[in-house]
Amino acid sequence: MKVLWISLIVFAAVSGFLVGRASAPTASLPVSELSTDDSSVVPSLPTSAPENSETKPISPVESTSTKMSASPATSQPSPYSRADVDPDSSAPYSNEQIAEQQTYEDLRRMAQDNYPAAQQELHEWAELHKADLKSRMEATLGESSGFMFEEVLKDNAMLNEPLAQQPMEEDFAWREQAQVNIHDYIIMNSTDPRLEILNITCMQKKCEVTLTGKDDRAGIILYMQLMQTRPFGITGGPSPTTMMNDDGSYWMYMLLTF
């Protein structure tokens, strides 16, 4: 009887264990044991990677480099220096600069700054020389001298707008040599046997020549030769002022620039 009772107790315990195991809930299983084959589960576990890639801002480094490459080039230094346009530059200026669109007063100030002694000498000489030239023309041309003097002064930069282009020391040597060169050239190339050189005066890269002769055609040819050959540094000059007489004699004034 005692053994039967013990058997019943053991049977009841075993039955209870089996019933309890069969009815155990599955909700307590860990998530890692759930099947992921069902595609409906995927939306419930979204990842943040796609959202991050879509809303990723532009890199500030790229923006900075773009602005730098597109920046204007105005910050670059100018290839031109002040000396290229400064009228107060101490460098000597050429005859081409005189022809530029500048007023005589501007050029005179440049000459005064660069060659003060030479500019002063040239200015005083021009005033005295105009009076001397007029006196000599009166002695040679008589009653026609007044009209011819006015013609000589027209567009005469040497007498009306004198500009020093080199120091006095250099000009002293240059003017003497230029006067000798012009004298010898005229004597050697003129075809007028009655040619007479009345005066040759050179100052600051300009020379004034007055002459007379008996063959006016020879005088014109002589001037044309000077302009065509341009010996010893002649760069040009205005047309000569000439008075021709009925007998073929003439008086001529030439202005030569160097």
Protein backbone atom coordinates (compact mmCIF):
# COMPACT_ATOMS: atom_id res chain seq x y z
CA MET A 1 0.00 0.00 0.00
CA LYS A 2 2.84 2.33 0.89
CA VAL A 3 4.58 1.53 -2.39
CA LEU A 4 1.41 2.28 -4.36
CA TRP A 5 1.07 5.60 -2.71
CA ILE A 6 4.64 6.58 -3.53
CA SER A 7 4.07 5.50 -7.15
CA LEU A 8 1.06 7.77 -7.42
CA ILE A 9 3.03 10.72 -6.08
CA VAL A 10 5.85 10.14 -8.60
CA PHE A 11 3.35 9.77 -11.46
CA ALA A 12 1.60 13.01 -10.47
CA ALA A 13 4.92 14.91 -10.37
CA VAL A 14 6.00 13.61 -13.78
CA SER A 15 2.61 14.44 -15.31
CA GLY A 16 2.68 17.94 -13.90
CA PHE A 17 6.19 18.54 -15.30
CA LEU A 18 5.19 17.39 -18.76
CA VAL A 19 1.98 19.46 -18.81
CA GLY A 20 3.85 22.54 -17.64
CA ARG A 21 6.55 22.20 -20.33
CA ALA A 22 4.01 21.71 -23.12
CA SER A 23 2.10 24.86 -22.20
CA ALA A 24 5.20 27.13 -21.73
CA PRO A 25 4.80 30.50 -23.58
CA THR A 26 7.11 31.45 -26.46
CA ALA A 27 6.99 35.22 -25.81
CA SER A 28 9.99 34.97 -23.54
CA LEU A 29 12.26 33.81 -26.33
CA PRO A 30 15.01 36.31 -27.23
CA VAL A 31 14.65 38.39 -30.40
CA SER A 32 17.73 36.80 -31.88
CA GLU A 33 15.89 33.46 -32.10
CA LEU A 34 13.04 34.93 -34.20
CA SER A 35 13.05 34.18 -37.89
CA THR A 36 13.93 37.15 -40.19
CA ASP A 37 12.78 35.48 -43.38
CA ASP A 38 9.47 37.42 -43.38
CA SER A 39 9.92 40.61 -45.32
CA SER A 40 7.25 42.35 -43.27
CA VAL A 41 9.65 42.53 -40.38
CA VAL A 42 12.15 44.74 -42.30
CA PRO A 43 10.22 48.04 -42.11
CA SER A 44 9.98 47.68 -38.34
CA LEU A 45 13.76 47.89 -38.07
CA PRO A 46 14.81 50.84 -40.33
CA THR A 47 18.42 51.92 -40.41
CA SER A 48 19.58 55.55 -40.26
CA ALA A 49 22.26 55.16 -42.96
CA PRO A 50 20.04 56.01 -45.99
CA GLU A 51 18.65 59.08 -44.23
CA ASN A 52 22.12 60.28 -43.36
CA SER A 53 23.35 59.84 -46.95
CA GLU A 54 20.38 61.74 -48.39
CA THR A 55 20.58 64.72 -46.05
CA LYS A 56 24.38 64.93 -45.88
CA PRO A 57 25.36 68.62 -46.26
CA ILE A 58 27.90 69.85 -48.81
CA SER A 59 31.37 69.73 -47.45
CA PRO A 60 32.54 73.20 -46.32
CA VAL A 61 35.99 72.43 -47.76
CA GLU A 62 34.60 72.11 -51.28
CA SER A 63 32.63 75.36 -50.89
CA THR A 64 35.72 77.23 -49.73
CA SER A 65 37.87 75.99 -52.59
CA THR A 66 35.19 76.97 -55.09
CA LYS A 67 35.05 80.51 -53.76
CA MET A 68 38.79 80.77 -53.86
CA SER A 69 38.98 79.66 -57.47
CA ALA A 70 36.23 82.06 -58.46
CA SER A 71 37.67 85.04 -56.63
CA PRO A 72 38.47 88.01 -58.89
CA ALA A 73 42.04 88.70 -59.92
CA THR A 74 41.91 92.33 -58.88
CA SER A 75 44.14 91.58 -55.93
CA GLN A 76 47.01 90.84 -58.29
CA PRO A 77 49.60 93.67 -58.49
CA SER A 78 49.49 95.87 -61.59
CA PRO A 79 52.26 95.10 -64.10
CA TYR A 80 52.69 98.83 -64.59
CA SER A 81 54.74 100.94 -62.25
CA ARG A 82 54.22 104.57 -61.31
CA ALA A 83 57.27 105.54 -63.39
CA ASP A 84 55.35 104.55 -66.55
CA VAL A 85 52.85 107.38 -66.15
CA ASP A 86 54.38 109.75 -63.62
CA PRO A 87 55.08 113.09 -65.29
CA ASP A 88 57.54 113.89 -62.50
CA SER A 89 59.81 110.99 -63.41
CA SER A 90 63.45 112.04 -63.59
CA ALA A 91 64.10 109.98 -66.73
CA PRO A 92 64.75 112.05 -69.88
CA TYR A 93 61.85 112.29 -72.29
CA SER A 94 62.03 111.96 -76.05
CA ASN A 95 60.67 113.95 -78.96
CA GLU A 96 57.82 111.43 -79.20
CA GLN A 97 56.68 112.42 -75.70
CA ILE A 98 56.52 116.05 -76.77
CA ALA A 99 54.06 115.06 -79.50
CA GLU A 100 51.72 113.40 -76.97
CA GLN A 101 48.47 115.01 -75.86
CA GLN A 102 49.96 117.09 -73.07
CA THR A 103 49.92 120.81 -72.56
CA TYR A 104 53.06 122.85 -72.94
CA GLU A 105 52.84 123.83 -69.27
CA ASP A 106 52.96 120.16 -68.25
CA LEU A 107 56.01 119.55 -70.41
CA ARG A 108 57.67 122.75 -69.24
CA ARG A 109 57.28 121.66 -65.62
CA MET A 110 58.86 118.32 -66.50
CA ALA A 111 61.81 120.09 -68.14
CA GLN A 112 62.10 122.45 -65.18
CA ASP A 113 62.20 119.51 -62.76
CA ASN A 114 64.63 117.44 -64.82
CA TYR A 115 66.95 120.16 -66.17
CA PRO A 116 66.31 123.38 -64.22
CA ALA A 117 69.45 125.23 -65.36
CA ALA A 118 69.06 124.20 -68.99
CA GLN A 119 65.36 125.14 -69.05
CA GLN A 120 66.08 128.54 -67.56
CA GLU A 121 68.83 129.19 -70.10
CA LEU A 122 66.64 128.08 -72.99
CA HIS A 123 63.71 130.24 -71.92
CA GLU A 124 65.85 133.36 -71.66
CA TRP A 125 67.61 132.60 -74.93
CA ALA A 126 64.31 132.19 -76.82
CA GLU A 127 63.10 135.65 -75.77
CA LEU A 128 66.34 137.32 -76.78
CA HIS A 129 66.70 135.31 -79.97
CA LYS A 130 63.27 136.29 -81.30
CA ALA A 131 64.24 139.95 -81.09
CA ASP A 132 67.60 139.26 -82.76
CA LEU A 133 65.99 137.21 -85.55
CA LYS A 134 63.46 139.92 -86.28
CA SER A 135 66.23 142.51 -86.52
CA ARG A 136 68.26 140.39 -88.95
CA MET A 137 65.18 139.70 -91.09
CA GLU A 138 64.46 143.42 -91.32
CA ALA A 139 67.98 144.01 -92.59
CA THR A 140 67.68 141.27 -95.22
CA LEU A 141 64.02 141.36 -96.29
CA GLY A 142 63.13 145.01 -95.86
CA GLU A 143 59.42 145.78 -95.85
CA SER A 144 58.50 142.10 -96.19
CA SER A 145 60.19 141.25 -92.90
CA GLY A 146 57.12 141.80 -90.71
CA PHE A 147 54.97 139.32 -92.61
CA MET A 148 57.78 136.79 -92.92
CA PHE A 149 58.58 137.05 -89.22
CA GLU A 150 55.00 136.13 -88.34
CA GLU A 151 55.22 133.15 -90.69
CA VAL A 152 58.43 131.99 -89.03
CA LEU A 153 56.82 132.05 -85.59
CA LYS A 154 53.91 129.84 -86.65
CA ASP A 155 54.24 126.35 -85.12
CA ASN A 156 57.79 127.17 -84.03
CA ALA A 157 58.38 125.06 -80.92
CA MET A 158 61.97 126.22 -80.60
CA LEU A 159 60.98 129.88 -80.11
CA ASN A 160 57.42 129.65 -78.73
CA GLU A 161 57.55 126.53 -76.55
CA PRO A 162 61.19 125.90 -75.65
CA LEU A 163 61.81 122.65 -73.76
CA ALA A 164 65.14 121.47 -72.40
CA GLN A 165 65.88 117.83 -73.16
CA GLN A 166 69.39 117.41 -71.78
CA PRO A 167 71.69 119.03 -69.19
CA MET A 168 73.51 122.19 -70.14
CA GLU A 169 76.91 120.48 -70.16
CA GLU A 170 75.75 117.91 -72.70
CA ASP A 171 73.94 120.52 -74.75
CA PHE A 172 77.04 122.72 -75.05
CA ALA A 173 78.96 119.91 -76.75
CA TRP A 174 75.98 118.80 -78.85
CA ARG A 175 75.06 122.24 -80.22
CA GLU A 176 78.58 122.99 -81.44
CA GLN A 177 78.90 119.66 -83.23
CA ALA A 178 75.41 119.92 -84.72
CA GLN A 179 76.11 123.38 -86.14
CA VAL A 180 79.31 122.14 -87.78
CA ASN A 181 77.54 119.09 -89.24
CA ILE A 182 74.69 121.12 -90.75
CA HIS A 183 77.06 123.72 -92.19
CA ASP A 184 79.23 121.11 -93.88
CA TYR A 185 76.22 119.18 -95.21
CA ILE A 186 74.71 122.29 -96.83
CA ILE A 187 77.99 123.31 -98.43
CA MET A 188 78.59 119.83 -99.84
CA ASN A 189 75.06 119.18 -101.12
CA SER A 190 73.75 122.52 -102.37
CA THR A 191 73.74 123.04 -106.15
CA ASP A 192 73.36 126.81 -105.83
CA PRO A 193 76.72 128.51 -106.57
CA ARG A 194 75.47 131.71 -104.90
CA LEU A 195 74.33 130.04 -101.69
CA GLU A 196 75.00 132.00 -98.51
CA ILE A 197 74.44 130.62 -95.03
CA LEU A 198 73.23 133.52 -92.88
CA ASN A 199 72.92 131.77 -89.54
CA ILE A 200 72.87 128.35 -87.88
CA THR A 201 71.80 128.15 -84.24
CA CYS A 202 71.31 124.90 -82.31
CA MET A 203 69.82 124.56 -78.83
CA GLN A 204 68.36 121.56 -77.00
CA LYS A 205 67.87 119.14 -79.92
CA LYS A 206 66.63 121.80 -82.36
CA CYS A 207 68.48 123.80 -85.00
CA GLU A 208 67.47 126.96 -86.85
CA VAL A 209 68.97 127.63 -90.27
CA THR A 210 68.60 130.78 -92.40
CA LEU A 211 70.14 131.07 -95.85
CA THR A 212 69.83 132.89 -99.17
CA GLY A 213 70.69 132.04 -102.72
CA LYS A 214 70.02 132.75 -106.37
CA ASP A 215 68.37 129.42 -107.26
CA ASP A 216 65.17 128.81 -105.30
CA ARG A 217 64.84 125.32 -106.78
CA ALA A 218 68.23 124.40 -105.30
CA GLY A 219 67.03 125.53 -101.89
CA ILE A 220 63.91 123.33 -102.06
CA ILE A 221 65.94 120.35 -103.22
CA LEU A 222 68.40 120.85 -100.35
CA TYR A 223 65.59 120.77 -97.78
CA MET A 224 64.09 117.65 -99.33
CA GLN A 225 67.45 115.89 -99.17
CA LEU A 226 67.75 116.71 -95.48
CA MET A 227 64.31 115.24 -94.76
CA GLN A 228 64.93 112.13 -96.84
CA THR A 229 68.43 111.23 -95.65
CA ARG A 230 68.07 112.65 -92.13
CA PRO A 231 71.80 112.75 -91.42
CA PHE A 232 73.41 112.93 -87.94
CA GLY A 233 70.20 112.34 -85.98
CA ILE A 234 67.68 114.64 -87.67
CA THR A 235 64.14 113.38 -86.96
CA GLY A 236 62.12 115.93 -88.93
CA GLY A 237 60.88 119.48 -88.91
CA PRO A 238 58.10 121.70 -90.22
CA SER A 239 58.03 122.92 -93.80
CA PRO A 240 60.55 125.72 -94.42
CA THR A 241 59.44 129.35 -94.58
CA THR A 242 60.62 130.73 -97.91
CA MET A 243 60.39 134.06 -99.68
CA MET A 244 60.98 133.81 -103.42
CA ASN A 245 61.68 136.77 -105.64
CA ASP A 246 60.89 137.24 -109.31
CA ASP A 247 64.56 136.91 -110.28
CA GLY A 248 64.77 133.44 -108.72
CA SER A 249 66.58 134.51 -105.57
CA TYR A 250 65.20 133.36 -102.24
CA TRP A 251 65.41 133.60 -98.47
CA MET A 252 64.75 130.42 -96.45
CA TYR A 253 64.21 129.60 -92.78
CA MET A 254 64.47 125.93 -91.74
CA LEU A 255 63.79 124.39 -88.33
CA LEU A 256 65.31 120.93 -87.77
CA THR A 257 64.56 118.65 -84.83
CA PHE A 258 66.77 115.89 -83.46
